[in-house]
C-alpha atoms as a PDB file:
ATOM      1  CA  MET A   1     120.300  78.772 -77.875  1.00  0.00           C
ATOM      2  CA  ALA A   2     117.310  79.915 -75.789  1.00  0.00           C
ATOM      3  CA  GLU A   3     115.367  80.893 -78.910  1.00  0.00           C
ATOM      4  CA  ALA A   4     116.060  77.485 -80.456  1.00  0.00           C
ATOM      5  CA  LEU A   5     114.654  75.743 -77.367  1.00  0.00           C
ATOM      6  CA  LEU A   6     111.533  77.910 -77.414  1.00  0.00           C
ATOM      7  CA  GLN A   7     110.956  77.027 -81.053  1.00  0.00           C
ATOM      8  CA  SER A   8     111.463  73.297 -80.429  1.00  0.00           C
ATOM      9  CA  PRO A   9     108.493  71.087 -81.348  1.00  0.00           C
ATOM     10  CA  ASN A  10     108.701  69.601 -77.803  1.00  0.00           C
ATOM     11  CA  ARG A  11     108.179  73.003 -76.203  1.00  0.00           C
ATOM     12  CA  SER A  12     104.529  72.168 -75.405  1.00  0.00           C
ATOM     13  CA  LEU A  13     105.685  69.452 -72.994  1.00  0.00           C
ATOM     14  CA  TRP A  14     106.955  72.103 -70.614  1.00  0.00           C
ATOM     15  CA  ASN A  15     104.554  75.020 -71.013  1.00  0.00           C
ATOM     16  CA  GLY A  16     101.474  73.262 -69.637  1.00  0.00           C
ATOM     17  CA  GLY A  17     100.199  72.025 -72.981  1.00  0.00           C
ATOM     18  CA  GLU A  18     100.847  68.333 -72.226  1.00  0.00           C
ATOM     19  CA  SER A  19     101.875  66.421 -69.109  1.00  0.00           C
ATOM     20  CA  PRO A  20     105.465  65.112 -69.389  1.00  0.00           C
ATOM     21  CA  PHE A  21     104.433  62.255 -67.057  1.00  0.00           C
ATOM     22  CA  LYS A  22     101.681  60.988 -69.390  1.00  0.00           C
ATOM     23  CA  VAL A  23      99.138  60.999 -66.534  1.00  0.00           C
ATOM     24  CA  SER A  24      96.339  63.359 -65.624  1.00  0.00           C
ATOM     25  CA  TRP A  25      96.820  66.147 -63.114  1.00  0.00           C
ATOM     26  CA  GLY A  26      94.482  64.421 -60.649  1.00  0.00           C
ATOM     27  CA  LYS A  27      96.390  61.139 -60.701  1.00  0.00           C
ATOM     28  CA  LEU A  28      99.703  62.928 -60.369  1.00  0.00           C
ATOM     29  CA  MET A  29      98.487  64.831 -57.303  1.00  0.00           C
ATOM     30  CA  MET A  30      97.176  61.598 -55.776  1.00  0.00           C
ATOM     31  CA  TRP A  31     100.599  60.030 -56.211  1.00  0.00           C
ATOM     32  CA  TYR A  32     102.190  63.080 -54.558  1.00  0.00           C
ATOM     33  CA  PHE A  33      99.785  62.755 -51.638  1.00  0.00           C
ATOM     34  CA  LEU A  34     100.452  59.036 -51.227  1.00  0.00           C
ATOM     35  CA  VAL A  35     104.215  59.494 -51.327  1.00  0.00           C
ATOM     36  CA  GLY A  36     103.963  62.212 -48.681  1.00  0.00           C
ATOM     37  CA  ASP A  37     101.634  60.101 -46.537  1.00  0.00           C
ATOM     38  CA  SER A  38     103.980  57.149 -46.770  1.00  0.00           C
ATOM     39  CA  PHE A  39     106.614  59.210 -44.942  1.00  0.00           C
ATOM     40  CA  SER A  40     104.190  59.647 -42.022  1.00  0.00           C
ATOM     41  CA  PHE A  41     103.660  55.906 -41.704  1.00  0.00           C
ATOM     42  CA  ALA A  42     107.365  55.231 -42.221  1.00  0.00           C
ATOM     43  CA  THR A  43     108.214  57.598 -39.365  1.00  0.00           C
ATOM     44  CA  PHE A  44     105.757  55.872 -37.034  1.00  0.00           C
ATOM     45  CA  LEU A  45     106.957  52.382 -37.937  1.00  0.00           C
ATOM     46  CA  LEU A  46     110.635  53.282 -37.708  1.00  0.00           C
ATOM     47  CA  THR A  47     109.981  54.724 -34.256  1.00  0.00           C
ATOM     48  CA  TYR A  48     108.254  51.512 -33.254  1.00  0.00           C
ATOM     49  CA  GLY A  49     111.095  49.390 -34.613  1.00  0.00           C
ATOM     50  CA  THR A  50     113.714  51.478 -32.809  1.00  0.00           C
ATOM     51  CA  LEU A  51     111.954  51.192 -29.452  1.00  0.00           C
ATOM     52  CA  ARG A  52     111.050  47.551 -30.010  1.00  0.00           C
ATOM     53  CA  PHE A  53     114.678  46.521 -30.311  1.00  0.00           C
ATOM     54  CA  SER A  54     115.918  48.965 -27.671  1.00  0.00           C
ATOM     55  CA  PHE A  55     114.286  47.037 -24.809  1.00  0.00           C
ATOM     56  CA  THR A  56     114.956  43.461 -23.751  1.00  0.00           C
ATOM     57  CA  GLU A  57     111.402  43.133 -22.432  1.00  0.00           C
ATOM     58  CA  TRP A  58     108.546  43.523 -24.910  1.00  0.00           C
ATOM     59  CA  PRO A  59     105.074  41.972 -25.219  1.00  0.00           C
ATOM     60  CA  THR A  60     104.786  38.740 -27.196  1.00  0.00           C
ATOM     61  CA  PRO A  61     102.234  39.252 -30.023  1.00  0.00           C
ATOM     62  CA  SER A  62     100.824  35.722 -29.739  1.00  0.00           C
ATOM     63  CA  GLU A  63      99.936  36.437 -26.098  1.00  0.00           C
ATOM     64  CA  VAL A  64      98.506  39.914 -26.694  1.00  0.00           C
ATOM     65  CA  PHE A  65      96.384  39.179 -29.759  1.00  0.00           C
ATOM     66  CA  ASP A  66      94.860  35.805 -28.979  1.00  0.00           C
ATOM     67  CA  LYS A  67      91.134  36.520 -28.568  1.00  0.00           C
ATOM     68  CA  ILE A  68      88.177  36.060 -30.917  1.00  0.00           C
ATOM     69  CA  PRO A  69      84.775  37.738 -30.366  1.00  0.00           C
ATOM     70  CA  PHE A  70      82.167  35.553 -28.604  1.00  0.00           C
ATOM     71  CA  ILE A  71      84.534  32.569 -28.435  1.00  0.00           C
ATOM     72  CA  HIS A  72      86.352  31.544 -25.259  1.00  0.00           C
ATOM     73  CA  GLY A  73      89.918  30.338 -25.424  1.00  0.00           C
ATOM     74  CA  ASN A  74      93.221  31.441 -26.861  1.00  0.00           C
ATOM     75  CA  PHE A  75      93.664  31.671 -30.617  1.00  0.00           C
ATOM     76  CA  PRO A  76      96.959  33.492 -31.289  1.00  0.00           C
ATOM     77  CA  LEU A  77      96.797  35.896 -34.244  1.00  0.00           C
ATOM     78  CA  VAL A  78      93.700  34.221 -35.735  1.00  0.00           C
ATOM     79  CA  TYR A  79      91.450  37.272 -35.531  1.00  0.00           C
ATOM     80  CA  VAL A  80      94.005  39.720 -36.909  1.00  0.00           C
ATOM     81  CA  SER A  81      94.667  37.268 -39.748  1.00  0.00           C
ATOM     82  CA  PHE A  82      90.968  37.446 -40.567  1.00  0.00           C
ATOM     83  CA  MET A  83      91.175  41.270 -40.507  1.00  0.00           C
ATOM     84  CA  THR A  84      94.143  41.176 -42.870  1.00  0.00           C
ATOM     85  CA  PHE A  85      92.439  38.756 -45.249  1.00  0.00           C
ATOM     86  CA  ASP A  86      89.330  40.941 -45.259  1.00  0.00           C
ATOM     87  CA  LEU A  87      91.309  44.065 -46.150  1.00  0.00           C
ATOM     88  CA  ILE A  88      93.246  42.283 -48.900  1.00  0.00           C
ATOM     89  CA  MET A  89      89.998  41.000 -50.419  1.00  0.00           C
ATOM     90  CA  SER A  90      88.600  44.540 -50.361  1.00  0.00           C
ATOM     91  CA  SER A  91      91.619  45.558 -52.415  1.00  0.00           C
ATOM     92  CA  VAL A  92      90.731  42.843 -54.943  1.00  0.00           C
ATOM     93  CA  THR A  93      87.154  44.132 -55.258  1.00  0.00           C
ATOM     94  CA  MET A  94      88.554  47.651 -55.697  1.00  0.00           C
ATOM     95  CA  VAL A  95      90.677  46.418 -58.598  1.00  0.00           C
ATOM     96  CA  LEU A  96      87.569  44.901 -60.176  1.00  0.00           C
ATOM     97  CA  ALA A  97      85.692  48.183 -59.690  1.00  0.00           C
ATOM     98  CA  VAL A  98      88.458  50.130 -61.434  1.00  0.00           C
ATOM     99  CA  HIS A  99      88.517  47.592 -64.273  1.00  0.00           C
ATOM    100  CA  ALA A 100      84.746  47.869 -64.662  1.00  0.00           C
ATOM    101  CA  GLY A 101      85.080  51.653 -64.708  1.00  0.00           C
ATOM    102  CA  SER A 102      87.592  51.469 -67.534  1.00  0.00           C
ATOM    103  CA  ASN A 103      84.913  49.572 -69.476  1.00  0.00           C
ATOM    104  CA  LYS A 104      82.246  52.069 -68.356  1.00  0.00           C
ATOM    105  CA  ASP A 105      80.211  49.257 -66.841  1.00  0.00           C
ATOM    106  CA  ARG A 106      78.231  51.237 -64.280  1.00  0.00           C
ATOM    107  CA  LYS A 107      76.409  48.283 -62.678  1.00  0.00           C
ATOM    108  CA  ALA A 108      79.649  46.347 -62.168  1.00  0.00           C
ATOM    109  CA  VAL A 109      81.359  49.400 -60.658  1.00  0.00           C
ATOM    110  CA  VAL A 110      78.526  49.805 -58.161  1.00  0.00           C
ATOM    111  CA  LYS A 111      78.605  46.097 -57.263  1.00  0.00           C
ATOM    112  CA  TRP A 112      82.348  45.892 -56.669  1.00  0.00           C
ATOM    113  CA  MET A 113      82.525  49.204 -54.816  1.00  0.00           C
ATOM    114  CA  ILE A 114      79.726  48.154 -52.468  1.00  0.00           C
ATOM    115  CA  LEU A 115      81.707  45.003 -51.686  1.00  0.00           C
ATOM    116  CA  THR A 116      84.798  47.164 -51.092  1.00  0.00           C
ATOM    117  CA  ILE A 117      82.829  49.349 -48.691  1.00  0.00           C
ATOM    118  CA  ILE A 118      81.532  46.286 -46.838  1.00  0.00           C
ATOM    119  CA  GLY A 119      85.098  45.005 -46.521  1.00  0.00           C
ATOM    120  CA  GLY A 120      86.240  48.337 -45.104  1.00  0.00           C
ATOM    121  CA  ILE A 121      83.379  48.432 -42.595  1.00  0.00           C
ATOM    122  CA  ILE A 122      84.125  44.871 -41.450  1.00  0.00           C
ATOM    123  CA  PHE A 123      87.771  45.830 -40.925  1.00  0.00           C
ATOM    124  CA  LEU A 124      86.836  48.936 -38.907  1.00  0.00           C
ATOM    125  CA  ALA A 125      84.360  46.972 -36.788  1.00  0.00           C
ATOM    126  CA  SER A 126      87.015  44.308 -36.165  1.00  0.00           C
ATOM    127  CA  GLN A 127      89.551  46.913 -35.158  1.00  0.00           C
ATOM    128  CA  ALA A 128      87.017  48.549 -32.823  1.00  0.00           C
ATOM    129  CA  TRP A 129      86.431  45.196 -31.133  1.00  0.00           C
ATOM    130  CA  GLU A 130      90.183  44.611 -30.824  1.00  0.00           C
ATOM    131  CA  TRP A 131      90.607  47.994 -29.156  1.00  0.00           C
ATOM    132  CA  TYR A 132      87.653  47.293 -26.851  1.00  0.00           C
ATOM    133  CA  ASN A 133      89.127  43.950 -25.826  1.00  0.00           C
ATOM    134  CA  LEU A 134      92.564  45.395 -25.139  1.00  0.00           C
ATOM    135  CA  ILE A 135      91.271  48.423 -23.225  1.00  0.00           C
ATOM    136  CA  VAL A 136      88.291  46.998 -21.308  1.00  0.00           C
ATOM    137  CA  ASN A 137      89.175  43.325 -20.880  1.00  0.00           C
ATOM    138  CA  GLU A 138      92.978  43.458 -20.795  1.00  0.00           C
ATOM    139  CA  GLY A 139      93.445  46.917 -19.289  1.00  0.00           C
ATOM    140  CA  MET A 140      95.943  48.209 -21.852  1.00  0.00           C
ATOM    141  CA  THR A 141      96.013  51.980 -22.273  1.00  0.00           C
ATOM    142  CA  MET A 142      98.398  54.638 -23.519  1.00  0.00           C
ATOM    143  CA  SER A 143     100.080  54.707 -20.097  1.00  0.00           C
ATOM    144  CA  HIS A 144      99.631  51.134 -18.849  1.00  0.00           C
ATOM    145  CA  ASN A 145     100.685  47.864 -20.425  1.00  0.00           C
ATOM    146  CA  PRO A 146      99.596  44.684 -18.602  1.00  0.00           C
ATOM    147  CA  PHE A 147     101.723  42.502 -20.872  1.00  0.00           C
ATOM    148  CA  SER A 148     105.080  44.016 -19.896  1.00  0.00           C
ATOM    149  CA  HIS A 149     106.585  47.017 -18.135  1.00  0.00           C
ATOM    150  CA  GLN A 150     106.910  48.994 -21.370  1.00  0.00           C
ATOM    151  CA  PRO A 151     104.009  51.469 -21.841  1.00  0.00           C
ATOM    152  CA  ALA A 152     105.514  52.467 -25.207  1.00  0.00           C
ATOM    153  CA  PHE A 153     103.900  49.388 -26.752  1.00  0.00           C
ATOM    154  CA  GLY A 154     100.391  50.607 -25.992  1.00  0.00           C
ATOM    155  CA  GLN A 155     101.213  54.161 -26.974  1.00  0.00           C
ATOM    156  CA  LEU A 156     102.546  53.145 -30.363  1.00  0.00           C
ATOM    157  CA  PHE A 157      99.896  50.494 -30.970  1.00  0.00           C
ATOM    158  CA  PHE A 158      96.949  52.832 -30.438  1.00  0.00           C
ATOM    159  CA  THR A 159      98.635  55.688 -32.294  1.00  0.00           C
ATOM    160  CA  ILE A 160      99.678  53.739 -35.398  1.00  0.00           C
ATOM    161  CA  THR A 161      96.651  51.462 -35.746  1.00  0.00           C
ATOM    162  CA  GLY A 162      94.405  54.445 -34.988  1.00  0.00           C
ATOM    163  CA  PHE A 163      96.126  56.499 -37.682  1.00  0.00           C
ATOM    164  CA  HIS A 164      95.703  53.658 -40.153  1.00  0.00           C
ATOM    165  CA  GLY A 165      92.094  53.118 -39.084  1.00  0.00           C
ATOM    166  CA  PHE A 166      91.388  56.792 -39.750  1.00  0.00           C
ATOM    167  CA  HIS A 167      92.665  56.276 -43.297  1.00  0.00           C
ATOM    168  CA  VAL A 168      90.380  53.270 -43.767  1.00  0.00           C
ATOM    169  CA  PHE A 169      87.433  55.256 -42.364  1.00  0.00           C
ATOM    170  CA  THR A 170      88.182  58.115 -44.756  1.00  0.00           C
ATOM    171  CA  GLY A 171      88.432  55.673 -47.653  1.00  0.00           C
ATOM    172  CA  VAL A 172      85.065  54.133 -46.785  1.00  0.00           C
ATOM    173  CA  LEU A 173      83.416  57.575 -46.725  1.00  0.00           C
ATOM    174  CA  ILE A 174      84.947  58.523 -50.078  1.00  0.00           C
ATOM    175  CA  ASN A 175      83.863  55.197 -51.562  1.00  0.00           C
ATOM    176  CA  ILE A 176      80.293  55.750 -50.339  1.00  0.00           C
ATOM    177  CA  ILE A 177      80.231  59.185 -51.993  1.00  0.00           C
ATOM    178  CA  ALA A 178      81.747  57.759 -55.173  1.00  0.00           C
ATOM    179  CA  VAL A 179      79.321  54.842 -55.458  1.00  0.00           C
ATOM    180  CA  SER A 180      76.386  57.223 -55.060  1.00  0.00           C
ATOM    181  CA  LEU A 181      77.762  59.303 -57.936  1.00  0.00           C
ATOM    182  CA  VAL A 182      78.273  56.202 -60.048  1.00  0.00           C
ATOM    183  CA  ALA A 183      74.726  54.999 -59.361  1.00  0.00           C
ATOM    184  CA  THR A 184      73.275  58.324 -60.534  1.00  0.00           C
ATOM    185  CA  GLY A 185      75.233  58.148 -63.802  1.00  0.00           C
ATOM    186  CA  TYR A 186      77.489  61.109 -62.966  1.00  0.00           C
ATOM    187  CA  PHE A 187      80.618  59.567 -64.486  1.00  0.00           C
ATOM    188  CA  ASP A 188      78.747  58.394 -67.574  1.00  0.00           C
ATOM    189  CA  ARG A 189      77.756  61.986 -68.229  1.00  0.00           C
ATOM    190  CA  LYS A 190      81.301  63.105 -67.486  1.00  0.00           C
ATOM    191  CA  GLY A 191      82.637  60.576 -69.975  1.00  0.00           C
ATOM    192  CA  ASN A 192      85.202  58.780 -67.803  1.00  0.00           C
ATOM    193  CA  TYR A 193      85.672  56.957 -64.490  1.00  0.00           C
ATOM    194  CA  GLU A 194      89.070  58.378 -63.605  1.00  0.00           C
ATOM    195  CA  PHE A 195      87.858  59.363 -60.137  1.00  0.00           C
ATOM    196  CA  ILE A 196      87.394  55.655 -59.344  1.00  0.00           C
ATOM    197  CA  GLU A 197      90.979  55.018 -60.421  1.00  0.00           C
ATOM    198  CA  LYS A 198      92.225  57.697 -58.024  1.00  0.00           C
ATOM    199  CA  ILE A 199      90.199  56.223 -55.182  1.00  0.00           C
ATOM    200  CA  GLY A 200      91.651  52.834 -56.100  1.00  0.00           C
ATOM    201  CA  LEU A 201      95.181  54.166 -55.690  1.00  0.00           C
ATOM    202  CA  TYR A 202      94.328  55.437 -52.209  1.00  0.00           C
ATOM    203  CA  TRP A 203      92.658  52.186 -51.165  1.00  0.00           C
ATOM    204  CA  HIS A 204      95.574  50.044 -52.370  1.00  0.00           C
ATOM    205  CA  PHE A 205      97.960  52.304 -50.457  1.00  0.00           C
ATOM    206  CA  VAL A 206      95.955  51.832 -47.253  1.00  0.00           C
ATOM    207  CA  ASP A 207      96.003  48.056 -47.760  1.00  0.00           C
ATOM    208  CA  LEU A 208      99.732  48.027 -48.430  1.00  0.00           C
ATOM    209  CA  VAL A 209     100.462  50.049 -45.300  1.00  0.00           C
ATOM    210  CA  TRP A 210      98.483  47.539 -43.232  1.00  0.00           C
ATOM    211  CA  VAL A 211     100.885  44.790 -44.356  1.00  0.00           C
ATOM    212  CA  PHE A 212     103.739  46.691 -42.684  1.00  0.00           C
ATOM    213  CA  VAL A 213     101.644  47.455 -39.589  1.00  0.00           C
ATOM    214  CA  PHE A 214     100.721  43.768 -39.373  1.00  0.00           C
ATOM    215  CA  LEU A 215     104.385  42.805 -39.664  1.00  0.00           C
ATOM    216  CA  ALA A 216     105.506  45.281 -36.997  1.00  0.00           C
ATOM    217  CA  PHE A 217     102.913  44.659 -34.276  1.00  0.00           C
ATOM    218  CA  TYR A 218     101.630  41.154 -34.845  1.00  0.00           C
ATOM    219  CA  LEU A 219     104.621  39.210 -36.123  1.00  0.00           C
ATOM    220  CA  VAL A 220     107.831  40.831 -34.838  1.00  0.00           C
END
């Protein structure tokens, strides 16, 4: 029986000759990384949800996130909606960059990736301002919450949004490196733009995670 299996014409699928998943090794490892990373975010968000519904007193999102830079007044959730829209649009430009890469259109890849980078930088700058406003103007820290008597809100907010922001920052750096390689014709000489596809997977994951972060902190 064993000898028959070894002599099977499909033997190459399992001895390293061909991927049984019909994807490259790099893409497969990226998927493994993203699945593993999703457990980290899931743990954070489940912790937040558990504590959120364990206390009768909890900050109201529309009262916490109601400021816009350089504009006086209260605008509940307007600024974070802009941040969310910006990040979603950066995901769209990333899709266009990947599509251009599949057509080996170097100029289009550079254009759409630069727009993706700009979107990521705008999001990071917006998040930095939000943190500044909450810490300096509102007085919220990891141990003090001016909006209620539950310091856990500040602890989880800064931890989870900071963790996500680190992912966006990392993605921006990788995109900058990638666009410089594209501009120099590196992937044309290599013969494919698969690296851009792998970056695209990471960037879409970061955008998708933000949807759940947005739901947890700003809507619930």
